[in-house]
Amino acid sequence: KTPPAASDVSPSEQPAAPEWMTLEQLASHSGIPLAVLDALRRERILIPHRVDGQDRYSDADVAAGAAGLHLLEHGLPLPELLELARAHDAAVRATAERAVALFDRYVRQAVRAAGASDEVAAERLVAAFEDILPATVTLVTHHFRRTLLAVAQEHIERVGSAGERRAVRATAL
């Protein structure tokens, strides 16, 4: 099912505007030391929103931080997680740049070619982006999850014990 466009959702169903917080407030809410968050920000692993010219963070960043802590609690080493995050950032940035180029070529240029005033064209551009973004996020999230699960299953099929293979096959069904 296609996600509803922002204009198709009643105001009571619209997600609440995020409550923005500073990096210091994020540290307080997440329990992650400020120095660690600052290092993640410098590495471009933690990417702030720009709100009124200031770096700000939301509850989604608190949840992401909690997920990172959860991985560490399971024994994954921080340096290797950071290396994985850097590689992911590079791949995602390249994909995002290509997606933006497609949006520019097929959506933005079409909006501009329609001949509306600059202000109306800008409003249509933002509306198109807001409409397309949820579908894009759904596709990317779905693909990454499926790919990660397939690679994990392939790995266990190659190196796992008989019991691990049976458990993974049962779970995959």
Protein backbone atom coordinates (compact mmCIF):
# COMPACT_ATOMS: atom_id res chain seq x y z
CA LYS A 1 0.00 0.00 0.00
CA THR A 2 1.27 3.46 -0.85
CA PRO A 3 1.85 5.72 2.16
CA PRO A 4 -0.63 8.60 2.28
CA ALA A 5 0.55 11.96 1.06
CA ALA A 6 0.95 14.57 3.77
CA SER A 7 -2.03 16.40 2.26
CA ASP A 8 -4.18 13.24 2.55
CA VAL A 9 -3.69 12.91 6.30
CA SER A 10 -6.01 14.84 8.56
CA PRO A 11 -4.37 17.32 10.97
CA SER A 12 -5.14 15.03 13.93
CA GLU A 13 -3.25 12.19 12.17
CA GLN A 14 -0.24 14.33 11.22
CA PRO A 15 2.84 13.36 13.22
CA ALA A 16 3.59 15.83 15.97
CA ALA A 17 6.36 18.28 15.22
CA PRO A 18 9.54 17.05 16.86
CA GLU A 19 10.69 18.69 20.01
CA TRP A 20 14.17 19.84 19.12
CA MET A 21 17.02 19.56 21.56
CA THR A 22 20.65 20.59 21.71
CA LEU A 23 23.47 18.06 21.75
CA GLU A 24 23.71 18.55 25.52
CA GLN A 25 20.01 17.78 25.92
CA LEU A 26 20.39 14.74 23.66
CA ALA A 27 23.15 13.48 25.96
CA SER A 28 20.88 13.95 28.95
CA HIS A 29 17.90 12.22 27.30
CA SER A 30 19.89 9.33 25.82
CA GLY A 31 22.36 8.64 28.61
CA ILE A 32 25.19 8.77 26.08
CA PRO A 33 28.12 10.92 27.21
CA LEU A 34 28.33 14.28 25.48
CA ALA A 35 31.91 13.59 24.34
CA VAL A 36 30.75 10.42 22.54
CA LEU A 37 27.86 12.24 20.85
CA ASP A 38 30.18 15.07 19.82
CA ALA A 39 32.61 12.55 18.30
CA LEU A 40 29.73 10.87 16.43
CA ARG A 41 28.63 14.29 15.15
CA ARG A 42 32.15 15.10 13.94
CA GLU A 43 32.30 11.71 12.15
CA ARG A 44 28.94 12.50 10.43
CA ILE A 45 27.40 9.43 12.04
CA LEU A 46 25.06 11.63 14.07
CA ILE A 47 23.61 14.15 11.62
CA PRO A 48 21.76 17.09 13.16
CA HIS A 49 18.78 18.91 11.74
CA ARG A 50 19.34 22.60 11.09
CA VAL A 51 16.61 24.53 12.90
CA ASP A 52 16.82 28.31 12.80
CA GLY A 53 20.50 28.00 11.92
CA GLN A 54 21.27 25.77 14.91
CA ASP A 55 22.10 22.06 15.12
CA ARG A 56 19.18 20.27 16.77
CA TYR A 57 18.25 16.67 17.56
CA SER A 58 14.97 14.84 18.13
CA ASP A 59 13.59 11.80 19.92
CA ALA A 60 14.53 9.80 16.82
CA ASP A 61 18.18 10.57 17.65
CA VAL A 62 17.59 9.39 21.24
CA ALA A 63 16.16 6.13 19.84
CA ALA A 64 19.11 5.72 17.46
CA GLY A 65 21.52 6.29 20.34
CA ALA A 66 19.70 3.68 22.43
CA ALA A 67 19.96 1.24 19.50
CA GLY A 68 23.70 1.88 19.31
CA LEU A 69 24.07 1.25 23.04
CA HIS A 70 22.08 -1.97 22.62
CA LEU A 71 24.56 -3.19 20.00
CA LEU A 72 27.46 -2.41 22.34
CA GLU A 73 25.70 -4.29 25.15
CA HIS A 74 25.61 -7.37 22.90
CA GLY A 75 29.37 -7.23 22.61
CA LEU A 76 29.92 -5.49 19.30
CA PRO A 77 33.12 -3.43 19.59
CA LEU A 78 32.75 0.34 19.27
CA PRO A 79 35.65 0.85 16.81
CA GLU A 80 34.20 -1.72 14.41
CA LEU A 81 30.69 -0.27 14.74
CA LEU A 82 32.10 3.18 13.95
CA GLU A 83 33.92 1.77 10.91
CA LEU A 84 30.68 0.14 9.74
CA ALA A 85 28.82 3.41 10.30
CA ARG A 86 31.38 5.34 8.24
CA ALA A 87 31.11 2.86 5.37
CA HIS A 88 27.31 2.99 5.56
CA ASP A 89 27.39 6.79 5.56
CA ALA A 90 29.54 6.85 2.43
CA ALA A 91 27.29 4.40 0.59
CA VAL A 92 24.09 6.10 1.70
CA ARG A 93 25.42 9.56 0.83
CA ALA A 94 26.26 8.39 -2.71
CA THR A 95 22.79 6.85 -3.09
CA ALA A 96 21.13 9.97 -1.65
CA GLU A 97 23.03 12.20 -4.07
CA ARG A 98 21.83 10.05 -6.97
CA ALA A 99 18.24 10.12 -5.65
CA VAL A 100 18.38 13.91 -5.36
CA ALA A 101 19.69 14.15 -8.93
CA LEU A 102 16.75 12.02 -10.13
CA PHE A 103 14.32 14.17 -8.15
CA ASP A 104 15.86 17.30 -9.63
CA ARG A 105 15.73 15.97 -13.18
CA TYR A 106 12.25 14.44 -13.16
CA VAL A 107 10.34 16.40 -10.52
CA ARG A 108 11.95 19.77 -9.90
CA GLN A 109 12.58 20.53 -13.56
CA ALA A 110 9.01 19.50 -14.45
CA VAL A 111 7.63 21.78 -11.74
CA ARG A 112 9.75 24.66 -13.00
CA ALA A 113 8.78 23.98 -16.62
CA ALA A 114 5.08 24.27 -15.71
CA GLY A 115 5.51 28.04 -15.73
CA ALA A 116 4.18 28.86 -12.28
CA SER A 117 5.57 31.77 -10.31
CA ASP A 118 8.75 31.10 -8.38
CA GLU A 119 6.83 31.05 -5.08
CA VAL A 120 4.17 28.62 -6.36
CA ALA A 121 6.84 26.42 -7.97
CA ALA A 122 8.75 26.34 -4.67
CA GLU A 123 5.60 25.32 -2.78
CA ARG A 124 4.89 22.56 -5.34
CA LEU A 125 8.49 21.38 -5.09
CA VAL A 126 8.29 21.07 -1.30
CA ALA A 127 4.90 19.32 -1.54
CA ALA A 128 6.29 16.85 -4.08
CA PHE A 129 9.30 16.13 -1.88
CA GLU A 130 7.10 15.60 1.19
CA ASP A 131 4.91 13.25 -0.83
CA ILE A 132 7.81 11.24 -2.27
CA LEU A 133 9.98 11.02 0.87
CA PRO A 134 7.86 8.45 2.80
CA ALA A 135 7.74 6.12 -0.21
CA THR A 136 11.50 6.44 -0.68
CA VAL A 137 12.19 5.72 2.99
CA THR A 138 9.87 2.70 2.89
CA LEU A 139 11.61 1.26 -0.17
CA VAL A 140 15.11 1.83 1.19
CA THR A 141 14.27 0.47 4.65
CA HIS A 142 12.57 -2.59 3.17
CA HIS A 143 15.48 -3.30 0.85
CA PHE A 144 18.11 -2.93 3.58
CA ARG A 145 16.20 -5.15 5.99
CA ARG A 146 15.68 -7.87 3.37
CA THR A 147 19.30 -7.67 2.24
CA LEU A 148 20.62 -7.83 5.81
CA LEU A 149 18.43 -10.84 6.62
CA ALA A 150 19.40 -12.64 3.40
CA VAL A 151 23.11 -12.06 4.00
CA ALA A 152 22.77 -13.23 7.62
CA GLN A 153 20.95 -16.38 6.54
CA GLU A 154 23.51 -17.06 3.80
CA HIS A 155 26.28 -16.65 6.37
CA ILE A 156 24.71 -19.12 8.82
CA GLU A 157 24.07 -21.57 5.98
CA ARG A 158 27.80 -21.40 5.18
CA VAL A 159 29.37 -21.42 8.64
CA GLY A 160 26.66 -22.33 11.14
CA SER A 161 26.12 -25.57 12.98
CA ALA A 162 23.24 -27.85 12.03
CA GLY A 163 21.20 -26.51 14.93
CA GLU A 164 21.88 -22.90 13.95
CA ARG A 165 20.89 -23.61 10.35
CA ARG A 166 17.63 -25.29 11.46
CA ALA A 167 16.82 -22.37 13.80
CA VAL A 168 17.52 -19.76 11.12
CA ARG A 169 15.46 -21.64 8.53
CA ALA A 170 12.55 -21.93 10.96
CA THR A 171 12.76 -18.23 11.79
CA ALA A 172 13.05 -17.26 8.11
CA LEU A 173 9.77 -18.99 7.36
